[in-house]
Full PDB file with SEQRES, HELIX, SHEET, SSBOND, CRYST1, ORIGX, SCALE, CONECT and MASTER records, all heavy atoms in Angstrom:
SEQRES   1 A   36  GLY LEU LEU LEU ALA VAL GLY ILE GLY PHE TRP ARG CYS          
SEQRES   2 A   36  VAL PRO ALA ILE GLU SER ARG GLY GLY ARG PHE ALA LEU          
SEQRES   3 A   36  LEU THR ALA ILE VAL ALA THR GLY GLY LEU                      
HELIX    1 AA1 LEU A    2  CYS A   13  1                                  12    
HELIX    2 AA2 VAL A   14  SER A   19  5                                   6    
HELIX    3 AA3 GLY A   21  GLY A   35  1                                  15    
CRYST1    1.000    1.000    1.000  90.00  90.00  90.00 P 1           1          
ORIGX1      1.000000  0.000000  0.000000        0.00000                         
ORIGX2      0.000000  1.000000  0.000000        0.00000                         
ORIGX3      0.000000  0.000000  1.000000        0.00000                         
SCALE1      1.000000  0.000000  0.000000        0.00000                         
SCALE2      0.000000  1.000000  0.000000        0.00000                         
SCALE3      0.000000  0.000000  1.000000        0.00000                         
ATOM      1  N   GLY A   1       4.615  39.019 -40.252  1.00  0.00           N  
ATOM      2  CA  GLY A   1       4.991  39.947 -41.318  1.00  0.00           C  
ATOM      3  C   GLY A   1       4.316  39.587 -42.633  1.00  0.00           C  
ATOM      4  O   GLY A   1       3.855  40.464 -43.376  1.00  0.00           O  
ATOM      5  N   LEU A   2       4.237  38.298 -42.927  1.00  0.00           N  
ATOM      6  CA  LEU A   2       3.524  37.860 -44.129  1.00  0.00           C  
ATOM      7  C   LEU A   2       2.042  38.226 -44.044  1.00  0.00           C  
ATOM      8  O   LEU A   2       1.447  38.686 -45.027  1.00  0.00           O  
ATOM      9  CB  LEU A   2       3.674  36.350 -44.324  1.00  0.00           C  
ATOM     10  CG  LEU A   2       5.075  35.831 -44.637  1.00  0.00           C  
ATOM     11  CD1 LEU A   2       5.044  34.309 -44.777  1.00  0.00           C  
ATOM     12  CD2 LEU A   2       5.627  36.460 -45.895  1.00  0.00           C  
ATOM     13  N   LEU A   3       1.463  38.016 -42.875  1.00  0.00           N  
ATOM     14  CA  LEU A   3       0.055  38.347 -42.677  1.00  0.00           C  
ATOM     15  C   LEU A   3      -0.184  39.842 -42.865  1.00  0.00           C  
ATOM     16  O   LEU A   3      -1.155  40.252 -43.519  1.00  0.00           O  
ATOM     17  CB  LEU A   3      -0.371  37.896 -41.273  1.00  0.00           C  
ATOM     18  CG  LEU A   3      -1.846  37.991 -40.906  1.00  0.00           C  
ATOM     19  CD1 LEU A   3      -2.712  37.197 -41.867  1.00  0.00           C  
ATOM     20  CD2 LEU A   3      -2.043  37.493 -39.486  1.00  0.00           C  
ATOM     21  N   LEU A   4       0.694  40.650 -42.330  1.00  0.00           N  
ATOM     22  CA  LEU A   4       0.610  42.091 -42.506  1.00  0.00           C  
ATOM     23  C   LEU A   4       0.669  42.450 -43.993  1.00  0.00           C  
ATOM     24  O   LEU A   4      -0.132  43.255 -44.486  1.00  0.00           O  
ATOM     25  CB  LEU A   4       1.749  42.770 -41.738  1.00  0.00           C  
ATOM     26  CG  LEU A   4       1.933  44.272 -41.921  1.00  0.00           C  
ATOM     27  CD1 LEU A   4       0.693  45.036 -41.471  1.00  0.00           C  
ATOM     28  CD2 LEU A   4       3.167  44.730 -41.148  1.00  0.00           C  
ATOM     29  N   ALA A   5       1.584  41.842 -44.721  1.00  0.00           N  
ATOM     30  CA  ALA A   5       1.716  42.115 -46.157  1.00  0.00           C  
ATOM     31  C   ALA A   5       0.472  41.696 -46.939  1.00  0.00           C  
ATOM     32  O   ALA A   5       0.055  42.387 -47.873  1.00  0.00           O  
ATOM     33  CB  ALA A   5       2.952  41.409 -46.712  1.00  0.00           C  
ATOM     34  N   VAL A   6      -0.139  40.585 -46.555  1.00  0.00           N  
ATOM     35  CA  VAL A   6      -1.373  40.145 -47.217  1.00  0.00           C  
ATOM     36  C   VAL A   6      -2.474  41.190 -47.013  1.00  0.00           C  
ATOM     37  O   VAL A   6      -3.179  41.557 -47.958  1.00  0.00           O  
ATOM     38  CB  VAL A   6      -1.810  38.755 -46.702  1.00  0.00           C  
ATOM     39  CG1 VAL A   6      -3.244  38.440 -47.089  1.00  0.00           C  
ATOM     40  CG2 VAL A   6      -0.877  37.675 -47.240  1.00  0.00           C  
ATOM     41  N   GLY A   7      -2.613  41.666 -45.795  1.00  0.00           N  
ATOM     42  CA  GLY A   7      -3.632  42.687 -45.527  1.00  0.00           C  
ATOM     43  C   GLY A   7      -3.389  43.953 -46.323  1.00  0.00           C  
ATOM     44  O   GLY A   7      -4.308  44.528 -46.908  1.00  0.00           O  
ATOM     45  N   ILE A   8      -2.137  44.394 -46.377  1.00  0.00           N  
ATOM     46  CA  ILE A   8      -1.798  45.582 -47.167  1.00  0.00           C  
ATOM     47  C   ILE A   8      -2.061  45.313 -48.649  1.00  0.00           C  
ATOM     48  O   ILE A   8      -2.554  46.192 -49.370  1.00  0.00           O  
ATOM     49  CB  ILE A   8      -0.335  46.004 -46.909  1.00  0.00           C  
ATOM     50  CG1 ILE A   8      -0.198  46.532 -45.475  1.00  0.00           C  
ATOM     51  CG2 ILE A   8       0.120  47.051 -47.916  1.00  0.00           C  
ATOM     52  CD1 ILE A   8       1.239  46.725 -45.018  1.00  0.00           C  
ATOM     53  N   GLY A   9      -1.766  44.096 -49.095  1.00  0.00           N  
ATOM     54  CA  GLY A   9      -2.056  43.731 -50.482  1.00  0.00           C  
ATOM     55  C   GLY A   9      -3.535  43.848 -50.812  1.00  0.00           C  
ATOM     56  O   GLY A   9      -3.903  44.348 -51.886  1.00  0.00           O  
ATOM     57  N   PHE A  10      -4.380  43.416 -49.898  1.00  0.00           N  
ATOM     58  CA  PHE A  10      -5.828  43.575 -50.122  1.00  0.00           C  
ATOM     59  C   PHE A  10      -6.202  45.053 -50.162  1.00  0.00           C  
ATOM     60  O   PHE A  10      -7.004  45.474 -50.995  1.00  0.00           O  
ATOM     61  CB  PHE A  10      -6.639  42.831 -49.053  1.00  0.00           C  
ATOM     62  CG  PHE A  10      -6.861  41.378 -49.366  1.00  0.00           C  
ATOM     63  CD1 PHE A  10      -6.275  40.391 -48.588  1.00  0.00           C  
ATOM     64  CD2 PHE A  10      -7.653  40.981 -50.424  1.00  0.00           C  
ATOM     65  CE1 PHE A  10      -6.472  39.054 -48.868  1.00  0.00           C  
ATOM     66  CE2 PHE A  10      -7.863  39.646 -50.716  1.00  0.00           C  
ATOM     67  CZ  PHE A  10      -7.267  38.671 -49.932  1.00  0.00           C  
ATOM     68  N   TRP A  11      -5.622  45.851 -49.271  1.00  0.00           N  
ATOM     69  CA  TRP A  11      -5.910  47.293 -49.288  1.00  0.00           C  
ATOM     70  C   TRP A  11      -5.501  47.914 -50.613  1.00  0.00           C  
ATOM     71  O   TRP A  11      -6.173  48.799 -51.125  1.00  0.00           O  
ATOM     72  CB  TRP A  11      -5.190  47.989 -48.141  1.00  0.00           C  
ATOM     73  CG  TRP A  11      -5.939  47.962 -46.832  1.00  0.00           C  
ATOM     74  CD1 TRP A  11      -7.246  47.625 -46.633  1.00  0.00           C  
ATOM     75  CD2 TRP A  11      -5.416  48.291 -45.552  1.00  0.00           C  
ATOM     76  NE1 TRP A  11      -7.558  47.726 -45.298  1.00  0.00           N  
ATOM     77  CE2 TRP A  11      -6.465  48.139 -44.620  1.00  0.00           C  
ATOM     78  CE3 TRP A  11      -4.169  48.708 -45.115  1.00  0.00           C  
ATOM     79  CZ2 TRP A  11      -6.295  48.387 -43.262  1.00  0.00           C  
ATOM     80  CZ3 TRP A  11      -3.997  48.947 -43.764  1.00  0.00           C  
ATOM     81  CH2 TRP A  11      -5.057  48.795 -42.847  1.00  0.00           C  
ATOM     82  N   ARG A  12      -4.393  47.448 -51.181  1.00  0.00           N  
ATOM     83  CA  ARG A  12      -3.930  48.002 -52.462  1.00  0.00           C  
ATOM     84  C   ARG A  12      -4.881  47.654 -53.614  1.00  0.00           C  
ATOM     85  O   ARG A  12      -4.847  48.310 -54.651  1.00  0.00           O  
ATOM     86  CB  ARG A  12      -2.516  47.494 -52.780  1.00  0.00           C  
ATOM     87  CG  ARG A  12      -1.473  47.920 -51.770  1.00  0.00           C  
ATOM     88  CD  ARG A  12      -0.940  49.298 -51.971  1.00  0.00           C  
ATOM     89  NE  ARG A  12      -0.271  49.366 -53.260  1.00  0.00           N  
ATOM     90  CZ  ARG A  12      -0.320  50.419 -54.053  1.00  0.00           C  
ATOM     91  NH1 ARG A  12      -0.981  51.496 -53.693  1.00  0.00           N  
ATOM     92  NH2 ARG A  12       0.298  50.420 -55.204  1.00  0.00           N  
ATOM     93  N   CYS A  13      -5.706  46.653 -53.430  1.00  0.00           N  
ATOM     94  CA  CYS A  13      -6.706  46.291 -54.448  1.00  0.00           C  
ATOM     95  C   CYS A  13      -7.911  47.232 -54.444  1.00  0.00           C  
ATOM     96  O   CYS A  13      -8.607  47.352 -55.445  1.00  0.00           O  
ATOM     97  CB  CYS A  13      -7.225  44.866 -54.215  1.00  0.00           C  
ATOM     98  SG  CYS A  13      -6.024  43.566 -54.516  1.00  0.00           S  
ATOM     99  N   VAL A  14      -8.170  47.871 -53.330  1.00  0.00           N  
ATOM    100  CA  VAL A  14      -9.418  48.605 -53.124  1.00  0.00           C  
ATOM    101  C   VAL A  14      -9.697  49.700 -54.158  1.00  0.00           C  
ATOM    102  O   VAL A  14     -10.804  49.741 -54.711  1.00  0.00           O  
ATOM    103  CB  VAL A  14      -9.506  49.155 -51.678  1.00  0.00           C  
ATOM    104  CG1 VAL A  14     -10.661  50.128 -51.513  1.00  0.00           C  
ATOM    105  CG2 VAL A  14      -9.651  47.999 -50.696  1.00  0.00           C  
ATOM    106  N   PRO A  15      -8.770  50.599 -54.482  1.00  0.00           N  
ATOM    107  CA  PRO A  15      -9.121  51.712 -55.372  1.00  0.00           C  
ATOM    108  C   PRO A  15      -9.655  51.290 -56.743  1.00  0.00           C  
ATOM    109  O   PRO A  15     -10.590  51.904 -57.248  1.00  0.00           O  
ATOM    110  CB  PRO A  15      -7.812  52.497 -55.513  1.00  0.00           C  
ATOM    111  CG  PRO A  15      -7.048  52.166 -54.282  1.00  0.00           C  
ATOM    112  CD  PRO A  15      -7.398  50.743 -53.960  1.00  0.00           C  
ATOM    113  N   ALA A  16      -9.083  50.250 -57.320  1.00  0.00           N  
ATOM    114  CA  ALA A  16      -9.540  49.768 -58.639  1.00  0.00           C  
ATOM    115  C   ALA A  16      -9.906  48.296 -58.516  1.00  0.00           C  
ATOM    116  O   ALA A  16      -9.454  47.458 -59.287  1.00  0.00           O  
ATOM    117  CB  ALA A  16      -8.452  49.986 -59.677  1.00  0.00           C  
ATOM    118  N   ILE A  17     -10.741  47.988 -57.540  1.00  0.00           N  
ATOM    119  CA  ILE A  17     -11.003  46.599 -57.156  1.00  0.00           C  
ATOM    120  C   ILE A  17     -11.518  45.749 -58.319  1.00  0.00           C  
ATOM    121  O   ILE A  17     -11.227  44.569 -58.406  1.00  0.00           O  
ATOM    122  CB  ILE A  17     -11.945  46.546 -55.939  1.00  0.00           C  
ATOM    123  CG1 ILE A  17     -11.799  45.195 -55.248  1.00  0.00           C  
ATOM    124  CG2 ILE A  17     -13.393  46.882 -56.313  1.00  0.00           C  
ATOM    125  CD1 ILE A  17     -12.219  45.200 -53.810  1.00  0.00           C  
ATOM    126  N   GLU A  18     -12.254  46.369 -59.235  1.00  0.00           N  
ATOM    127  CA  GLU A  18     -12.812  45.611 -60.354  1.00  0.00           C  
ATOM    128  C   GLU A  18     -11.734  45.131 -61.334  1.00  0.00           C  
ATOM    129  O   GLU A  18     -11.948  44.171 -62.070  1.00  0.00           O  
ATOM    130  CB  GLU A  18     -13.874  46.440 -61.098  1.00  0.00           C  
ATOM    131  CG  GLU A  18     -13.323  47.636 -61.839  1.00  0.00           C  
ATOM    132  CD  GLU A  18     -12.991  48.834 -60.963  1.00  0.00           C  
ATOM    133  OE1 GLU A  18     -13.269  48.822 -59.746  1.00  0.00           O  
ATOM    134  OE2 GLU A  18     -12.439  49.798 -61.521  1.00  0.00           O  
ATOM    135  N   SER A  19     -10.576  45.758 -61.326  1.00  0.00           N  
ATOM    136  CA  SER A  19      -9.511  45.376 -62.261  1.00  0.00           C  
ATOM    137  C   SER A  19      -8.335  44.688 -61.563  1.00  0.00           C  
ATOM    138  O   SER A  19      -7.285  44.502 -62.168  1.00  0.00           O  
ATOM    139  CB  SER A  19      -9.010  46.608 -63.018  1.00  0.00           C  
ATOM    140  OG  SER A  19      -8.402  47.518 -62.126  1.00  0.00           O  
ATOM    141  N   ARG A  20      -8.495  44.295 -60.337  1.00  0.00           N  
ATOM    142  CA  ARG A  20      -7.414  43.658 -59.578  1.00  0.00           C  
ATOM    143  C   ARG A  20      -7.658  42.169 -59.352  1.00  0.00           C  
ATOM    144  O   ARG A  20      -7.263  41.602 -58.336  1.00  0.00           O  
ATOM    145  CB  ARG A  20      -7.225  44.350 -58.225  1.00  0.00           C  
ATOM    146  CG  ARG A  20      -6.838  45.807 -58.305  1.00  0.00           C  
ATOM    147  CD  ARG A  20      -5.393  45.950 -58.750  1.00  0.00           C  
ATOM    148  NE  ARG A  20      -4.981  47.330 -58.674  1.00  0.00           N  
ATOM    149  CZ  ARG A  20      -4.668  48.055 -59.740  1.00  0.00           C  
ATOM    150  NH1 ARG A  20      -4.726  47.529 -60.944  1.00  0.00           N  
ATOM    151  NH2 ARG A  20      -4.297  49.308 -59.598  1.00  0.00           N  
ATOM    152  N   GLY A  21      -8.293  41.530 -60.329  1.00  0.00           N  
ATOM    153  CA  GLY A  21      -8.660  40.121 -60.187  1.00  0.00           C  
ATOM    154  C   GLY A  21      -7.480  39.196 -59.952  1.00  0.00           C  
ATOM    155  O   GLY A  21      -7.548  38.293 -59.116  1.00  0.00           O  
ATOM    156  N   GLY A  22      -6.391  39.390 -60.691  1.00  0.00           N  
ATOM    157  CA  GLY A  22      -5.228  38.521 -60.514  1.00  0.00           C  
ATOM    158  C   GLY A  22      -4.625  38.631 -59.131  1.00  0.00           C  
ATOM    159  O   GLY A  22      -4.329  37.629 -58.480  1.00  0.00           O  
ATOM    160  N   ARG A  23      -4.447  39.854 -58.678  1.00  0.00           N  
ATOM    161  CA  ARG A  23      -3.878  40.079 -57.343  1.00  0.00           C  
ATOM    162  C   ARG A  23      -4.832  39.550 -56.274  1.00  0.00           C  
ATOM    163  O   ARG A  23      -4.406  38.901 -55.319  1.00  0.00           O  
ATOM    164  CB  ARG A  23      -3.617  41.560 -57.112  1.00  0.00           C  
ATOM    165  CG  ARG A  23      -3.031  41.850 -55.732  1.00  0.00           C  
ATOM    166  CD  ARG A  23      -2.812  43.318 -55.489  1.00  0.00           C  
ATOM    167  NE  ARG A  23      -1.853  43.843 -56.450  1.00  0.00           N  
ATOM    168  CZ  ARG A  23      -1.578  45.129 -56.587  1.00  0.00           C  
ATOM    169  NH1 ARG A  23      -2.193  46.023 -55.831  1.00  0.00           N  
ATOM    170  NH2 ARG A  23      -0.694  45.536 -57.459  1.00  0.00           N  
ATOM    171  N   PHE A  24      -6.112  39.814 -56.449  1.00  0.00           N  
ATOM    172  CA  PHE A  24      -7.107  39.368 -55.480  1.00  0.00           C  
ATOM    173  C   PHE A  24      -7.116  37.840 -55.408  1.00  0.00           C  
ATOM    174  O   PHE A  24      -7.194  37.252 -54.324  1.00  0.00           O  
ATOM    175  CB  PHE A  24      -8.492  39.901 -55.859  1.00  0.00           C  
ATOM    176  CG  PHE A  24      -9.368  40.220 -54.695  1.00  0.00           C  
ATOM    177  CD1 PHE A  24      -9.415  41.496 -54.165  1.00  0.00           C  
ATOM    178  CD2 PHE A  24     -10.169  39.249 -54.118  1.00  0.00           C  
ATOM    179  CE1 PHE A  24     -10.228  41.800 -53.078  1.00  0.00           C  
ATOM    180  CE2 PHE A  24     -10.980  39.527 -53.045  1.00  0.00           C  
ATOM    181  CZ  PHE A  24     -11.016  40.804 -52.519  1.00  0.00           C  
ATOM    182  N   ALA A  25      -7.020  37.183 -56.575  1.00  0.00           N  
ATOM    183  CA  ALA A  25      -7.000  35.717 -56.611  1.00  0.00           C  
ATOM    184  C   ALA A  25      -5.768  35.165 -55.902  1.00  0.00           C  
ATOM    185  O   ALA A  25      -5.859  34.192 -55.140  1.00  0.00           O  
ATOM    186  CB  ALA A  25      -7.053  35.232 -58.055  1.00  0.00           C  
ATOM    187  N   LEU A  26      -4.605  35.765 -56.156  1.00  0.00           N  
ATOM    188  CA  LEU A  26      -3.377  35.299 -55.520  1.00  0.00           C  
ATOM    189  C   LEU A  26      -3.452  35.457 -54.003  1.00  0.00           C  
ATOM    190  O   LEU A  26      -3.125  34.525 -53.249  1.00  0.00           O  
ATOM    191  CB  LEU A  26      -2.166  36.060 -56.068  1.00  0.00           C  
ATOM    192  CG  LEU A  26      -0.822  35.721 -55.408  1.00  0.00           C  
ATOM    193  CD1 LEU A  26      -0.483  34.250 -55.583  1.00  0.00           C  
ATOM    194  CD2 LEU A  26       0.268  36.610 -55.980  1.00  0.00           C  
ATOM    195  N   LEU A  27      -3.883  36.624 -53.547  1.00  0.00           N  
ATOM    196  CA  LEU A  27      -4.003  36.852 -52.103  1.00  0.00           C  
ATOM    197  C   LEU A  27      -4.995  35.879 -51.477  1.00  0.00           C  
ATOM    198  O   LEU A  27      -4.759  35.335 -50.395  1.00  0.00           O  
ATOM    199  CB  LEU A  27      -4.408  38.298 -51.821  1.00  0.00           C  
ATOM    200  CG  LEU A  27      -3.347  39.347 -52.139  1.00  0.00           C  
ATOM    201  CD1 LEU A  27      -3.961  40.746 -52.135  1.00  0.00           C  
ATOM    202  CD2 LEU A  27      -2.183  39.261 -51.174  1.00  0.00           C  
ATOM    203  N   THR A  28      -6.111  35.639 -52.168  1.00  0.00           N  
ATOM    204  CA  THR A  28      -7.105  34.686 -51.661  1.00  0.00           C  
ATOM    205  C   THR A  28      -6.519  33.286 -51.586  1.00  0.00           C  
ATOM    206  O   THR A  28      -6.745  32.562 -50.604  1.00  0.00           O  
ATOM    207  CB  THR A  28      -8.364  34.706 -52.549  1.00  0.00           C  
ATOM    208  OG1 THR A  28      -8.930  36.025 -52.513  1.00  0.00           O  
ATOM    209  CG2 THR A  28      -9.401  33.698 -52.070  1.00  0.00           C  
ATOM    210  N   ALA A  29      -5.762  32.880 -52.596  1.00  0.00           N  
ATOM    211  CA  ALA A  29      -5.142  31.553 -52.587  1.00  0.00           C  
ATOM    212  C   ALA A  29      -4.156  31.422 -51.433  1.00  0.00           C  
ATOM    213  O   ALA A  29      -4.095  30.378 -50.768  1.00  0.00           O  
ATOM    214  CB  ALA A  29      -4.449  31.286 -53.917  1.00  0.00           C  
ATOM    215  N   ILE A  30      -3.385  32.460 -51.170  1.00  0.00           N  
ATOM    216  CA  ILE A  30      -2.437  32.440 -50.051  1.00  0.00           C  
ATOM    217  C   ILE A  30      -3.189  32.282 -48.732  1.00  0.00           C  
ATOM    218  O   ILE A  30      -2.835  31.453 -47.884  1.00  0.00           O  
ATOM    219  CB  ILE A  30      -1.566  33.715 -50.052  1.00  0.00           C  
ATOM    220  CG1 ILE A  30      -0.607  33.700 -51.246  1.00  0.00           C  
ATOM    221  CG2 ILE A  30      -0.812  33.874 -48.732  1.00  0.00           C  
ATOM    222  CD1 ILE A  30       0.076  35.032 -51.513  1.00  0.00           C  
ATOM    223  N   VAL A  31      -4.247  33.072 -48.557  1.00  0.00           N  
ATOM    224  CA  VAL A  31      -5.028  33.026 -47.314  1.00  0.00           C  
ATOM    225  C   VAL A  31      -5.705  31.668 -47.150  1.00  0.00           C  
ATOM    226  O   VAL A  31      -5.667  31.069 -46.062  1.00  0.00           O  
ATOM    227  CB  VAL A  31      -6.060  34.176 -47.286  1.00  0.00           C  
ATOM    228  CG1 VAL A  31      -7.043  34.003 -46.139  1.00  0.00           C  
ATOM    229  CG2 VAL A  31      -5.348  35.519 -47.184  1.00  0.00           C  
ATOM    230  N   ALA A  32      -6.322  31.156 -48.212  1.00  0.00           N  
ATOM    231  CA  ALA A  32      -7.016  29.870 -48.129  1.00  0.00           C  
ATOM    232  C   ALA A  32      -6.036  28.726 -47.872  1.00  0.00           C  
ATOM    233  O   ALA A  32      -6.346  27.791 -47.125  1.00  0.00           O  
ATOM    234  CB  ALA A  32      -7.827  29.628 -49.397  1.00  0.00           C  
ATOM    235  N   THR A  33      -4.851  28.794 -48.462  1.00  0.00           N  
ATOM    236  CA  THR A  33      -3.838  27.768 -48.204  1.00  0.00           C  
ATOM    237  C   THR A  33      -3.441  27.774 -46.730  1.00  0.00           C  
ATOM    238  O   THR A  33      -3.308  26.716 -46.102  1.00  0.00           O  
ATOM    239  CB  THR A  33      -2.606  27.984 -49.104  1.00  0.00           C  
ATOM    240  OG1 THR A  33      -3.020  27.914 -50.469  1.00  0.00           O  
ATOM    241  CG2 THR A  33      -1.531  26.941 -48.838  1.00  0.00           C  
ATOM    242  N   GLY A  34      -3.277  28.968 -46.173  1.00  0.00           N  
ATOM    243  CA  GLY A  34      -3.002  29.069 -44.740  1.00  0.00           C  
ATOM    244  C   GLY A  34      -4.143  28.494 -43.913  1.00  0.00           C  
ATOM    245  O   GLY A  34      -3.916  27.819 -42.903  1.00  0.00           O  
ATOM    246  N   GLY A  35      -5.369  28.737 -44.342  1.00  0.00           N  
ATOM    247  CA  GLY A  35      -6.528  28.192 -43.642  1.00  0.00           C  
ATOM    248  C   GLY A  35      -6.571  26.668 -43.697  1.00  0.00           C  
ATOM    249  O   GLY A  35      -6.916  26.012 -42.712  1.00  0.00           O  
ATOM    250  N   LEU A  36      -6.195  26.111 -44.847  1.00  0.00           N  
ATOM    251  CA  LEU A  36      -6.156  24.647 -44.959  1.00  0.00           C  
ATOM    252  C   LEU A  36      -5.069  24.069 -44.046  1.00  0.00           C  
ATOM    253  O   LEU A  36      -5.266  23.010 -43.434  1.00  0.00           O  
ATOM    254  CB  LEU A  36      -5.929  24.231 -46.407  1.00  0.00           C  
ATOM    255  CG  LEU A  36      -7.098  24.506 -47.351  1.00  0.00           C  
ATOM    256  CD1 LEU A  36      -6.704  24.213 -48.795  1.00  0.00           C  
ATOM    257  CD2 LEU A  36      -8.334  23.703 -46.954  1.00  0.00           C  
TER     258      LEU A  36                                                      
MASTER        0    0    0    3    0    0    0    6  257    1    0    3          
END                                                                             
């Protein structure tokens, strides 16, 4: 469920991707932490 939410979160960044830096950074940190 968390993974699903992360993917949806990335999709929500798409329309105004240039202005979604904070959200994109948070999602990336969550994903990278899981990878570590």
